[in-house]
Amino acid sequence: MMYPLDRELAAADAPQQVPVAVTCRVLKLARQPYYRWLASPITNSELSEAYRANALFDAHRDDPEFGHRFLLDEARAAGESMAERTA
């Protein structure tokens, strides 16, 4: 995603400050999604994906030889619901 670049170029301490409108126009991005991302850079789906990955990692650390079915059961026991293909 290009939005971190927009934020970096528009920062007050940047060597050459570039306005967000100019950066978005050059990169052919809309400004509204940039400001929405700026208000909340981590989406709810990314957060839930991180929690699921953490639950799987914790289950795998305890028993590294078990497969995806065991990991799925352990993640569900930890409260992170997910599909079998996700695990």
PDB file of N, CA and C in Angstrom:
ATOM      1  N   MET A   1       0.840  -1.174   0.000  1.00  0.00           N
ATOM      2  CA  MET A   1       0.000   0.000   0.000  1.00  0.00           C
ATOM      3  C   MET A   1       0.886   1.238   0.000  1.00  0.00           C
ATOM      4  N   MET A   2       0.519   2.236  -0.715  1.00  0.00           N
ATOM      5  CA  MET A   2       1.329   3.435  -0.883  1.00  0.00           C
ATOM      6  C   MET A   2       1.121   4.474   0.209  1.00  0.00           C
ATOM      7  N   TYR A   3       0.178   4.255   1.083  1.00  0.00           N
ATOM      8  CA  TYR A   3      -0.151   5.303   2.047  1.00  0.00           C
ATOM      9  C   TYR A   3       0.986   5.656   3.013  1.00  0.00           C
ATOM     10  N   PRO A   4       1.807   4.709   3.478  1.00  0.00           N
ATOM     11  CA  PRO A   4       2.927   5.126   4.319  1.00  0.00           C
ATOM     12  C   PRO A   4       3.871   6.098   3.601  1.00  0.00           C
ATOM     13  N   LEU A   5       4.026   5.930   2.305  1.00  0.00           N
ATOM     14  CA  LEU A   5       4.858   6.848   1.531  1.00  0.00           C
ATOM     15  C   LEU A   5       4.248   8.254   1.539  1.00  0.00           C
ATOM     16  N   ASP A   6       2.943   8.337   1.370  1.00  0.00           N
ATOM     17  CA  ASP A   6       2.268   9.639   1.424  1.00  0.00           C
ATOM     18  C   ASP A   6       2.505  10.315   2.763  1.00  0.00           C
ATOM     19  N   ARG A   7       2.343   9.541   3.829  1.00  0.00           N
ATOM     20  CA  ARG A   7       2.527  10.103   5.168  1.00  0.00           C
ATOM     21  C   ARG A   7       3.969  10.556   5.379  1.00  0.00           C
ATOM     22  N   GLU A   8       4.916   9.773   4.883  1.00  0.00           N
ATOM     23  CA  GLU A   8       6.328  10.119   5.044  1.00  0.00           C
ATOM     24  C   GLU A   8       6.692  11.389   4.275  1.00  0.00           C
ATOM     25  N   LEU A   9       6.174  11.517   3.064  1.00  0.00           N
ATOM     26  CA  LEU A   9       6.481  12.702   2.261  1.00  0.00           C
ATOM     27  C   LEU A   9       5.812  13.959   2.790  1.00  0.00           C
ATOM     28  N   ALA A  10       4.671  13.806   3.450  1.00  0.00           N
ATOM     29  CA  ALA A  10       3.943  14.957   3.973  1.00  0.00           C
ATOM     30  C   ALA A  10       4.353  15.327   5.395  1.00  0.00           C
ATOM     31  N   ALA A  11       5.254  14.567   5.997  1.00  0.00           N
ATOM     32  CA  ALA A  11       5.660  14.824   7.380  1.00  0.00           C
ATOM     33  C   ALA A  11       6.337  16.183   7.502  1.00  0.00           C
ATOM     34  N   ALA A  12       6.149  16.789   8.656  1.00  0.00           N
ATOM     35  CA  ALA A  12       6.708  18.118   8.891  1.00  0.00           C
ATOM     36  C   ALA A  12       8.237  18.092   8.913  1.00  0.00           C
ATOM     37  N   ASP A  13       8.833  16.979   9.333  1.00  0.00           N
ATOM     38  CA  ASP A  13      10.295  16.900   9.413  1.00  0.00           C
ATOM     39  C   ASP A  13      10.932  16.302   8.158  1.00  0.00           C
ATOM     40  N   ALA A  14      10.166  16.130   7.097  1.00  0.00           N
ATOM     41  CA  ALA A  14      10.713  15.614   5.839  1.00  0.00           C
ATOM     42  C   ALA A  14      11.646  16.644   5.217  1.00  0.00           C
ATOM     43  N   PRO A  15      12.718  16.201   4.545  1.00  0.00           N
ATOM     44  CA  PRO A  15      13.652  17.150   3.924  1.00  0.00           C
ATOM     45  C   PRO A  15      12.957  18.080   2.924  1.00  0.00           C
ATOM     46  N   GLN A  16      12.090  17.526   2.112  1.00  0.00           N
ATOM     47  CA  GLN A  16      11.291  18.340   1.194  1.00  0.00           C
ATOM     48  C   GLN A  16       9.847  17.906   1.368  1.00  0.00           C
ATOM     49  N   GLN A  17       9.084  18.713   2.066  1.00  0.00           N
ATOM     50  CA  GLN A  17       7.702  18.368   2.370  1.00  0.00           C
ATOM     51  C   GLN A  17       6.834  18.461   1.109  1.00  0.00           C
ATOM     52  N   VAL A  18       6.116  17.370   0.817  1.00  0.00           N
ATOM     53  CA  VAL A  18       5.246  17.300  -0.353  1.00  0.00           C
ATOM     54  C   VAL A  18       3.809  17.188   0.155  1.00  0.00           C
ATOM     55  N   PRO A  19       2.912  18.043  -0.309  1.00  0.00           N
ATOM     56  CA  PRO A  19       1.523  17.956   0.151  1.00  0.00           C
ATOM     57  C   PRO A  19       0.873  16.616  -0.226  1.00  0.00           C
ATOM     58  N   VAL A  20      -0.056  16.187   0.593  1.00  0.00           N
ATOM     59  CA  VAL A  20      -0.749  14.930   0.370  1.00  0.00           C
ATOM     60  C   VAL A  20      -1.484  14.947  -0.967  1.00  0.00           C
ATOM     61  N   ALA A  21      -2.106  16.065  -1.305  1.00  0.00           N
ATOM     62  CA  ALA A  21      -2.850  16.161  -2.559  1.00  0.00           C
ATOM     63  C   ALA A  21      -1.943  15.903  -3.761  1.00  0.00           C
ATOM     64  N   VAL A  22      -0.737  16.438  -3.723  1.00  0.00           N
ATOM     65  CA  VAL A  22       0.205  16.254  -4.825  1.00  0.00           C
ATOM     66  C   VAL A  22       0.669  14.801  -4.890  1.00  0.00           C
ATOM     67  N   THR A  23       1.023  14.235  -3.758  1.00  0.00           N
ATOM     68  CA  THR A  23       1.487  12.853  -3.718  1.00  0.00           C
ATOM     69  C   THR A  23       0.410  11.896  -4.222  1.00  0.00           C
ATOM     70  N   CYS A  24      -0.818  12.101  -3.762  1.00  0.00           N
ATOM     71  CA  CYS A  24      -1.915  11.232  -4.201  1.00  0.00           C
ATOM     72  C   CYS A  24      -2.169  11.382  -5.700  1.00  0.00           C
ATOM     73  N   ARG A  25      -2.067  12.597  -6.210  1.00  0.00           N
ATOM     74  CA  ARG A  25      -2.295  12.809  -7.635  1.00  0.00           C
ATOM     75  C   ARG A  25      -1.205  12.126  -8.463  1.00  0.00           C
ATOM     76  N   VAL A  26       0.045  12.232  -8.047  1.00  0.00           N
ATOM     77  CA  VAL A  26       1.154  11.617  -8.785  1.00  0.00           C
ATOM     78  C   VAL A  26       1.062  10.095  -8.741  1.00  0.00           C
ATOM     79  N   LEU A  27       0.695   9.547  -7.572  1.00  0.00           N
ATOM     80  CA  LEU A  27       0.593   8.093  -7.431  1.00  0.00           C
ATOM     81  C   LEU A  27      -0.750   7.547  -7.899  1.00  0.00           C
ATOM     82  N   LYS A  28      -1.621   8.444  -8.361  1.00  0.00           N
ATOM     83  CA  LYS A  28      -2.960   8.086  -8.842  1.00  0.00           C
ATOM     84  C   LYS A  28      -3.767   7.370  -7.768  1.00  0.00           C
ATOM     85  N   LEU A  29      -3.772   7.977  -6.583  1.00  0.00           N
ATOM     86  CA  LEU A  29      -4.548   7.482  -5.452  1.00  0.00           C
ATOM     87  C   LEU A  29      -5.562   8.545  -5.055  1.00  0.00           C
ATOM     88  N   ALA A  30      -6.679   8.106  -4.521  1.00  0.00           N
ATOM     89  CA  ALA A  30      -7.672   9.048  -4.027  1.00  0.00           C
ATOM     90  C   ALA A  30      -7.270   9.515  -2.630  1.00  0.00           C
ATOM     91  N   ARG A  31      -7.631  10.741  -2.300  1.00  0.00           N
ATOM     92  CA  ARG A  31      -7.264  11.274  -0.985  1.00  0.00           C
ATOM     93  C   ARG A  31      -8.138  10.729   0.130  1.00  0.00           C
ATOM     94  N   GLN A  32      -9.414  10.480  -0.137  1.00  0.00           N
ATOM     95  CA  GLN A  32     -10.320  10.031   0.913  1.00  0.00           C
ATOM     96  C   GLN A  32      -9.866   8.722   1.558  1.00  0.00           C
ATOM     97  N   PRO A  33      -9.502   7.690   0.785  1.00  0.00           N
ATOM     98  CA  PRO A  33      -9.006   6.465   1.432  1.00  0.00           C
ATOM     99  C   PRO A  33      -7.720   6.700   2.227  1.00  0.00           C
ATOM    100  N   TYR A  34      -6.902   7.651   1.765  1.00  0.00           N
ATOM    101  CA  TYR A  34      -5.682   7.963   2.522  1.00  0.00           C
ATOM    102  C   TYR A  34      -6.040   8.485   3.899  1.00  0.00           C
ATOM    103  N   TYR A  35      -6.960   9.420   3.987  1.00  0.00           N
ATOM    104  CA  TYR A  35      -7.333   9.982   5.287  1.00  0.00           C
ATOM    105  C   TYR A  35      -8.057   8.957   6.150  1.00  0.00           C
ATOM    106  N   ARG A  36      -8.804   8.064   5.533  1.00  0.00           N
ATOM    107  CA  ARG A  36      -9.452   6.979   6.279  1.00  0.00           C
ATOM    108  C   ARG A  36      -8.378   6.054   6.851  1.00  0.00           C
ATOM    109  N   TRP A  37      -7.353   5.728   6.043  1.00  0.00           N
ATOM    110  CA  TRP A  37      -6.254   4.891   6.506  1.00  0.00           C
ATOM    111  C   TRP A  37      -5.468   5.597   7.603  1.00  0.00           C
ATOM    112  N   LEU A  38      -5.294   6.890   7.471  1.00  0.00           N
ATOM    113  CA  LEU A  38      -4.544   7.651   8.464  1.00  0.00           C
ATOM    114  C   LEU A  38      -5.231   7.611   9.827  1.00  0.00           C
ATOM    115  N   ALA A  39      -6.560   7.625   9.823  1.00  0.00           N
ATOM    116  CA  ALA A  39      -7.303   7.562  11.080  1.00  0.00           C
ATOM    117  C   ALA A  39      -7.216   6.178  11.716  1.00  0.00           C
ATOM    118  N   SER A  40      -7.152   5.136  10.886  1.00  0.00           N
ATOM    119  CA  SER A  40      -7.104   3.767  11.390  1.00  0.00           C
ATOM    120  C   SER A  40      -6.223   2.929  10.465  1.00  0.00           C
ATOM    121  N   PRO A  41      -4.887   2.940  10.671  1.00  0.00           N
ATOM    122  CA  PRO A  41      -3.984   2.238   9.746  1.00  0.00           C
ATOM    123  C   PRO A  41      -4.094   0.715   9.801  1.00  0.00           C
ATOM    124  N   ILE A  42      -4.625   0.162  10.873  1.00  0.00           N
ATOM    125  CA  ILE A  42      -4.778  -1.284  10.990  1.00  0.00           C
ATOM    126  C   ILE A  42      -6.266  -1.597  10.958  1.00  0.00           C
ATOM    127  N   THR A  43      -6.683  -2.367   9.964  1.00  0.00           N
ATOM    128  CA  THR A  43      -8.099  -2.700   9.838  1.00  0.00           C
ATOM    129  C   THR A  43      -8.475  -3.819  10.807  1.00  0.00           C
ATOM    130  N   ASN A  44      -9.772  -3.988  11.012  1.00  0.00           N
ATOM    131  CA  ASN A  44     -10.249  -5.043  11.906  1.00  0.00           C
ATOM    132  C   ASN A  44      -9.886  -6.422  11.377  1.00  0.00           C
ATOM    133  N   SER A  45      -9.934  -6.606  10.056  1.00  0.00           N
ATOM    134  CA  SER A  45      -9.579  -7.908   9.498  1.00  0.00           C
ATOM    135  C   SER A  45      -8.094  -8.212   9.691  1.00  0.00           C
ATOM    136  N   GLU A  46      -7.239  -7.206   9.561  1.00  0.00           N
ATOM    137  CA  GLU A  46      -5.809  -7.419   9.812  1.00  0.00           C
ATOM    138  C   GLU A  46      -5.554  -7.743  11.278  1.00  0.00           C
ATOM    139  N   LEU A  47      -6.297  -7.115  12.161  1.00  0.00           N
ATOM    140  CA  LEU A  47      -6.136  -7.380  13.589  1.00  0.00           C
ATOM    141  C   LEU A  47      -6.578  -8.798  13.934  1.00  0.00           C
ATOM    142  N   SER A  48      -7.730  -9.230  13.401  1.00  0.00           N
ATOM    143  CA  SER A  48      -8.186 -10.589  13.679  1.00  0.00           C
ATOM    144  C   SER A  48      -7.242 -11.621  13.061  1.00  0.00           C
ATOM    145  N   GLU A  49      -6.688 -11.320  11.885  1.00  0.00           N
ATOM    146  CA  GLU A  49      -5.710 -12.217  11.266  1.00  0.00           C
ATOM    147  C   GLU A  49      -4.462 -12.344  12.131  1.00  0.00           C
ATOM    148  N   ALA A  50      -4.041 -11.257  12.744  1.00  0.00           N
ATOM    149  CA  ALA A  50      -2.872 -11.298  13.624  1.00  0.00           C
ATOM    150  C   ALA A  50      -3.154 -12.125  14.875  1.00  0.00           C
ATOM    151  N   TYR A  51      -4.365 -11.997  15.435  1.00  0.00           N
ATOM    152  CA  TYR A  51      -4.727 -12.801  16.605  1.00  0.00           C
ATOM    153  C   TYR A  51      -4.760 -14.289  16.247  1.00  0.00           C
ATOM    154  N   ARG A  52      -5.297 -14.606  15.061  1.00  0.00           N
ATOM    155  CA  ARG A  52      -5.335 -16.001  14.628  1.00  0.00           C
ATOM    156  C   ARG A  52      -3.928 -16.553  14.437  1.00  0.00           C
ATOM    157  N   ALA A  53      -3.070 -15.779  13.804  1.00  0.00           N
ATOM    158  CA  ALA A  53      -1.687 -16.223  13.591  1.00  0.00           C
ATOM    159  C   ALA A  53      -0.972 -16.412  14.918  1.00  0.00           C
ATOM    160  N   ASN A  54      -1.238 -15.540  15.873  1.00  0.00           N
ATOM    161  CA  ASN A  54      -0.613 -15.661  17.188  1.00  0.00           C
ATOM    162  C   ASN A  54      -1.090 -16.926  17.892  1.00  0.00           C
ATOM    163  N   ALA A  55      -2.392 -17.236  17.798  1.00  0.00           N
ATOM    164  CA  ALA A  55      -2.918 -18.449  18.424  1.00  0.00           C
ATOM    165  C   ALA A  55      -2.304 -19.692  17.781  1.00  0.00           C
ATOM    166  N   LEU A  56      -2.173 -19.692  16.458  1.00  0.00           N
ATOM    167  CA  LEU A  56      -1.551 -20.826  15.779  1.00  0.00           C
ATOM    168  C   LEU A  56      -0.078 -20.963  16.143  1.00  0.00           C
ATOM    169  N   PHE A  57       0.616 -19.835  16.234  1.00  0.00           N
ATOM    170  CA  PHE A  57       2.037 -19.866  16.578  1.00  0.00           C
ATOM    171  C   PHE A  57       2.238 -20.400  17.990  1.00  0.00           C
ATOM    172  N   ASP A  58       1.384 -19.943  18.924  1.00  0.00           N
ATOM    173  CA  ASP A  58       1.503 -20.429  20.302  1.00  0.00           C
ATOM    174  C   ASP A  58       1.241 -21.925  20.395  1.00  0.00           C
ATOM    175  N   ALA A  59       0.234 -22.413  19.674  1.00  0.00           N
ATOM    176  CA  ALA A  59      -0.065 -23.849  19.692  1.00  0.00           C
ATOM    177  C   ALA A  59       1.069 -24.645  19.054  1.00  0.00           C
ATOM    178  N   HIS A  60       1.667 -24.127  18.008  1.00  0.00           N
ATOM    179  CA  HIS A  60       2.750 -24.840  17.326  1.00  0.00           C
ATOM    180  C   HIS A  60       4.036 -24.832  18.155  1.00  0.00           C
ATOM    181  N   ARG A  61       4.243 -23.785  18.930  1.00  0.00           N
ATOM    182  CA  ARG A  61       5.444 -23.711  19.768  1.00  0.00           C
ATOM    183  C   ARG A  61       5.411 -24.793  20.840  1.00  0.00           C
ATOM    184  N   ASP A  62       4.218 -25.089  21.383  1.00  0.00           N
ATOM    185  CA  ASP A  62       4.113 -26.110  22.418  1.00  0.00           C
ATOM    186  C   ASP A  62       4.375 -27.510  21.861  1.00  0.00           C
ATOM    187  N   ASP A  63       3.817 -27.823  20.698  1.00  0.00           N
ATOM    188  CA  ASP A  63       3.962 -29.143  20.084  1.00  0.00           C
ATOM    189  C   ASP A  63       4.296 -28.980  18.605  1.00  0.00           C
ATOM    190  N   PRO A  64       5.566 -28.834  18.242  1.00  0.00           N
ATOM    191  CA  PRO A  64       5.920 -28.534  16.846  1.00  0.00           C
ATOM    192  C   PRO A  64       5.674 -29.671  15.863  1.00  0.00           C
ATOM    193  N   GLU A  65       5.472 -30.916  16.336  1.00  0.00           N
ATOM    194  CA  GLU A  65       5.319 -32.004  15.378  1.00  0.00           C
ATOM    195  C   GLU A  65       3.882 -32.229  14.931  1.00  0.00           C
ATOM    196  N   PHE A  66       2.920 -31.564  15.532  1.00  0.00           N
ATOM    197  CA  PHE A  66       1.529 -31.776  15.160  1.00  0.00           C
ATOM    198  C   PHE A  66       1.159 -30.967  13.929  1.00  0.00           C
ATOM    199  N   GLY A  67       0.126 -31.452  13.219  1.00  0.00           N
ATOM    200  CA  GLY A  67      -0.280 -30.840  11.964  1.00  0.00           C
ATOM    201  C   GLY A  67      -1.353 -29.778  12.122  1.00  0.00           C
ATOM    202  N   HIS A  68      -1.945 -29.423  10.991  1.00  0.00           N
ATOM    203  CA  HIS A  68      -2.888 -28.312  10.966  1.00  0.00           C
ATOM    204  C   HIS A  68      -4.191 -28.617  11.705  1.00  0.00           C
ATOM    205  N   ARG A  69      -4.601 -29.870  11.766  1.00  0.00           N
ATOM    206  CA  ARG A  69      -5.846 -30.187  12.480  1.00  0.00           C
ATOM    207  C   ARG A  69      -5.696 -29.936  13.976  1.00  0.00           C
ATOM    208  N   PHE A  70      -4.567 -30.322  14.520  1.00  0.00           N
ATOM    209  CA  PHE A  70      -4.302 -30.063  15.938  1.00  0.00           C
ATOM    210  C   PHE A  70      -4.214 -28.563  16.197  1.00  0.00           C
ATOM    211  N   LEU A  71      -3.528 -27.865  15.310  1.00  0.00           N
ATOM    212  CA  LEU A  71      -3.391 -26.421  15.479  1.00  0.00           C
ATOM    213  C   LEU A  71      -4.747 -25.737  15.421  1.00  0.00           C
ATOM    214  N   LEU A  72      -5.609 -26.197  14.523  1.00  0.00           N
ATOM    215  CA  LEU A  72      -6.946 -25.636  14.414  1.00  0.00           C
ATOM    216  C   LEU A  72      -7.721 -25.845  15.701  1.00  0.00           C
ATOM    217  N   ASP A  73      -7.662 -27.039  16.260  1.00  0.00           N
ATOM    218  CA  ASP A  73      -8.355 -27.314  17.523  1.00  0.00           C
ATOM    219  C   ASP A  73      -7.815 -26.453  18.653  1.00  0.00           C
ATOM    220  N   GLU A  74      -6.501 -26.292  18.704  1.00  0.00           N
ATOM    221  CA  GLU A  74      -5.897 -25.475  19.750  1.00  0.00           C
ATOM    222  C   GLU A  74      -6.283 -23.995  19.608  1.00  0.00           C
ATOM    223  N   ALA A  75      -6.308 -23.505  18.377  1.00  0.00           N
ATOM    224  CA  ALA A  75      -6.691 -22.108  18.156  1.00  0.00           C
ATOM    225  C   ALA A  75      -8.148 -21.882  18.519  1.00  0.00           C
ATOM    226  N   ARG A  76      -8.998 -22.841  18.169  1.00  0.00           N
ATOM    227  CA  ARG A  76     -10.411 -22.720  18.545  1.00  0.00           C
ATOM    228  C   ARG A  76     -10.582 -22.778  20.052  1.00  0.00           C
ATOM    229  N   ALA A  77      -9.787 -23.597  20.718  1.00  0.00           N
ATOM    230  CA  ALA A  77      -9.847 -23.663  22.177  1.00  0.00           C
ATOM    231  C   ALA A  77      -9.392 -22.344  22.805  1.00  0.00           C
ATOM    232  N   ALA A  78      -8.502 -21.639  22.122  1.00  0.00           N
ATOM    233  CA  ALA A  78      -8.025 -20.347  22.618  1.00  0.00           C
ATOM    234  C   ALA A  78      -9.010 -19.226  22.308  1.00  0.00           C
ATOM    235  N   GLY A  79     -10.102 -19.548  21.580  1.00  0.00           N
ATOM    236  CA  GLY A  79     -11.118 -18.540  21.314  1.00  0.00           C
ATOM    237  C   GLY A  79     -11.017 -17.875  19.956  1.00  0.00           C
ATOM    238  N   GLU A  80     -10.132 -18.340  19.100  1.00  0.00           N
ATOM    239  CA  GLU A  80      -9.981 -17.770  17.758  1.00  0.00           C
ATOM    240  C   GLU A  80     -10.623 -18.709  16.753  1.00  0.00           C
ATOM    241  N   SER A  81     -11.826 -18.378  16.327  1.00  0.00           N
ATOM    242  CA  SER A  81     -12.513 -19.222  15.365  1.00  0.00           C
ATOM    243  C   SER A  81     -11.980 -18.964  13.973  1.00  0.00           C
ATOM    244  N   MET A  82     -11.822 -20.039  13.195  1.00  0.00           N
ATOM    245  CA  MET A  82     -11.322 -19.911  11.834  1.00  0.00           C
ATOM    246  C   MET A  82     -11.702 -21.153  11.044  1.00  0.00           C
ATOM    247  N   ALA A  83     -11.657 -21.016   9.745  1.00  0.00           N
ATOM    248  CA  ALA A  83     -11.949 -22.155   8.877  1.00  0.00           C
ATOM    249  C   ALA A  83     -10.752 -23.101   8.853  1.00  0.00           C
ATOM    250  N   GLU A  84     -10.996 -24.327   8.435  1.00  0.00           N
ATOM    251  CA  GLU A  84      -9.900 -25.309   8.388  1.00  0.00           C
ATOM    252  C   GLU A  84      -8.827 -24.882   7.404  1.00  0.00           C
ATOM    253  N   ARG A  85      -9.224 -24.300   6.298  1.00  0.00           N
ATOM    254  CA  ARG A  85      -8.232 -23.862   5.304  1.00  0.00           C
ATOM    255  C   ARG A  85      -7.397 -22.692   5.797  1.00  0.00           C
ATOM    256  N   THR A  86      -7.933 -21.920   6.699  1.00  0.00           N
ATOM    257  CA  THR A  86      -7.181 -20.781   7.236  1.00  0.00           C
ATOM    258  C   THR A  86      -6.026 -21.268   8.102  1.00  0.00           C
ATOM    259  N   ALA A  87      -6.282 -22.324   8.871  1.00  0.00           N
ATOM    260  CA  ALA A  87      -5.229 -22.853   9.755  1.00  0.00           C
ATOM    261  C   ALA A  87      -4.132 -23.467   8.931  1.00  0.00           C
TER     262      ALA A  87
END
